[in-house]
Amino acid sequence: MGWIIAIIVGGVAGWLASKVMNRDASMGIFWNVVVGCIGSLIGNWLSGPLFGVQGSVQEFSLTGLIIAIIGAVVLLGIVNLVQRGRVR
């Protein structure tokens, strides 16, 4: 059951991050899920040591969703930097 929740929350986090980073037109549902799940890993990796906050997308919580969105925004910023040479 945790994987189904992770896919749904990852998709929502990836979609919201793509809206924030203005990349929604270039991403489909699959890439939103991928970006959200990888963003969750990045967000947990950053938020644990820096702020002492942990969140998981395998059991739904608002903290886990916010961490996943922030991690997905960081991931899309890195992708924009590599692809276009600038973060927008």
Protein backbone atom coordinates (compact mmCIF):
# COMPACT_ATOMS: atom_id res chain seq x y z
CA MET A 1 0.00 0.00 0.00
CA GLY A 2 2.92 2.34 0.69
CA TRP A 3 4.08 2.25 -2.95
CA ILE A 4 0.65 3.29 -4.21
CA ILE A 5 0.60 6.25 -1.83
CA ALA A 6 4.19 7.13 -2.81
CA ILE A 7 3.23 7.17 -6.51
CA ILE A 8 0.18 9.35 -5.89
CA VAL A 9 1.98 11.79 -3.57
CA GLY A 10 5.02 11.80 -5.87
CA GLY A 11 2.78 12.66 -8.82
CA VAL A 12 1.15 15.53 -6.94
CA ALA A 13 4.52 16.82 -5.70
CA GLY A 14 6.04 16.60 -9.20
CA TRP A 15 3.04 18.36 -10.73
CA LEU A 16 3.15 21.19 -8.18
CA ALA A 17 6.92 21.56 -8.61
CA SER A 18 6.53 21.70 -12.40
CA LYS A 19 3.95 24.46 -11.96
CA VAL A 20 6.32 26.40 -9.68
CA MET A 21 9.25 25.99 -12.08
CA ASN A 22 7.09 26.71 -15.18
CA ARG A 23 7.83 23.33 -16.82
CA ASP A 24 4.34 21.87 -16.80
CA ALA A 25 3.96 21.94 -20.60
CA SER A 26 7.08 19.80 -21.11
CA MET A 27 6.24 17.09 -18.56
CA GLY A 28 3.66 14.32 -18.60
CA ILE A 29 2.14 12.29 -15.80
CA PHE A 30 4.97 9.74 -15.79
CA TRP A 31 7.68 12.39 -15.42
CA ASN A 32 5.68 14.18 -12.72
CA VAL A 33 5.68 10.96 -10.68
CA VAL A 34 9.40 10.38 -11.32
CA VAL A 35 10.33 13.97 -10.40
CA GLY A 36 8.14 13.84 -7.29
CA CYS A 37 9.61 10.56 -6.03
CA ILE A 38 13.21 11.59 -6.72
CA GLY A 39 12.40 15.01 -5.25
CA SER A 40 11.20 13.30 -2.09
CA LEU A 41 14.53 11.54 -1.76
CA ILE A 42 16.42 14.79 -2.35
CA GLY A 43 14.16 16.67 0.07
CA ASN A 44 14.65 14.10 2.83
CA TRP A 45 18.38 14.05 2.18
CA LEU A 46 18.52 17.86 2.58
CA SER A 47 15.96 18.40 5.33
CA GLY A 48 17.24 15.72 7.72
CA PRO A 49 20.71 17.11 8.44
CA LEU A 50 19.79 20.77 7.94
CA PHE A 51 16.53 21.03 9.89
CA GLY A 52 16.09 17.70 11.66
CA VAL A 53 12.80 17.09 9.84
CA GLN A 54 11.95 13.77 8.21
CA GLY A 55 8.93 13.03 6.06
CA SER A 56 7.94 10.03 4.02
CA VAL A 57 5.66 9.80 1.05
CA GLN A 58 4.91 6.15 1.79
CA GLU A 59 2.49 7.17 4.51
CA PHE A 60 0.78 10.42 3.66
CA SER A 61 1.61 13.45 5.77
CA LEU A 62 1.67 17.14 5.02
CA THR A 63 5.33 17.31 6.07
CA GLY A 64 6.26 14.56 3.61
CA LEU A 65 4.38 16.31 0.80
CA ILE A 66 6.07 19.67 1.48
CA ILE A 67 9.50 18.02 1.64
CA ALA A 68 8.79 16.20 -1.65
CA ILE A 69 7.69 19.46 -3.34
CA ILE A 70 10.81 21.32 -2.16
CA GLY A 71 13.04 18.44 -3.30
CA ALA A 72 11.29 18.31 -6.69
CA VAL A 73 11.76 22.08 -7.14
CA VAL A 74 15.48 21.64 -6.37
CA LEU A 75 15.66 18.78 -8.89
CA LEU A 76 13.91 20.80 -11.60
CA GLY A 77 16.19 23.76 -10.86
CA ILE A 78 19.22 21.52 -11.42
CA VAL A 79 17.68 20.15 -14.65
CA ASN A 80 17.00 23.71 -15.87
CA LEU A 81 20.56 24.68 -15.05
CA VAL A 82 22.00 21.76 -16.99
CA GLN A 83 19.63 22.03 -19.98
CA ARG A 84 19.42 25.77 -20.42
CA GLY A 85 22.41 27.12 -18.53
CA ARG A 86 20.16 29.09 -16.14
CA VAL A 87 17.53 28.58 -13.48
CA ARG A 88 14.23 30.30 -14.15
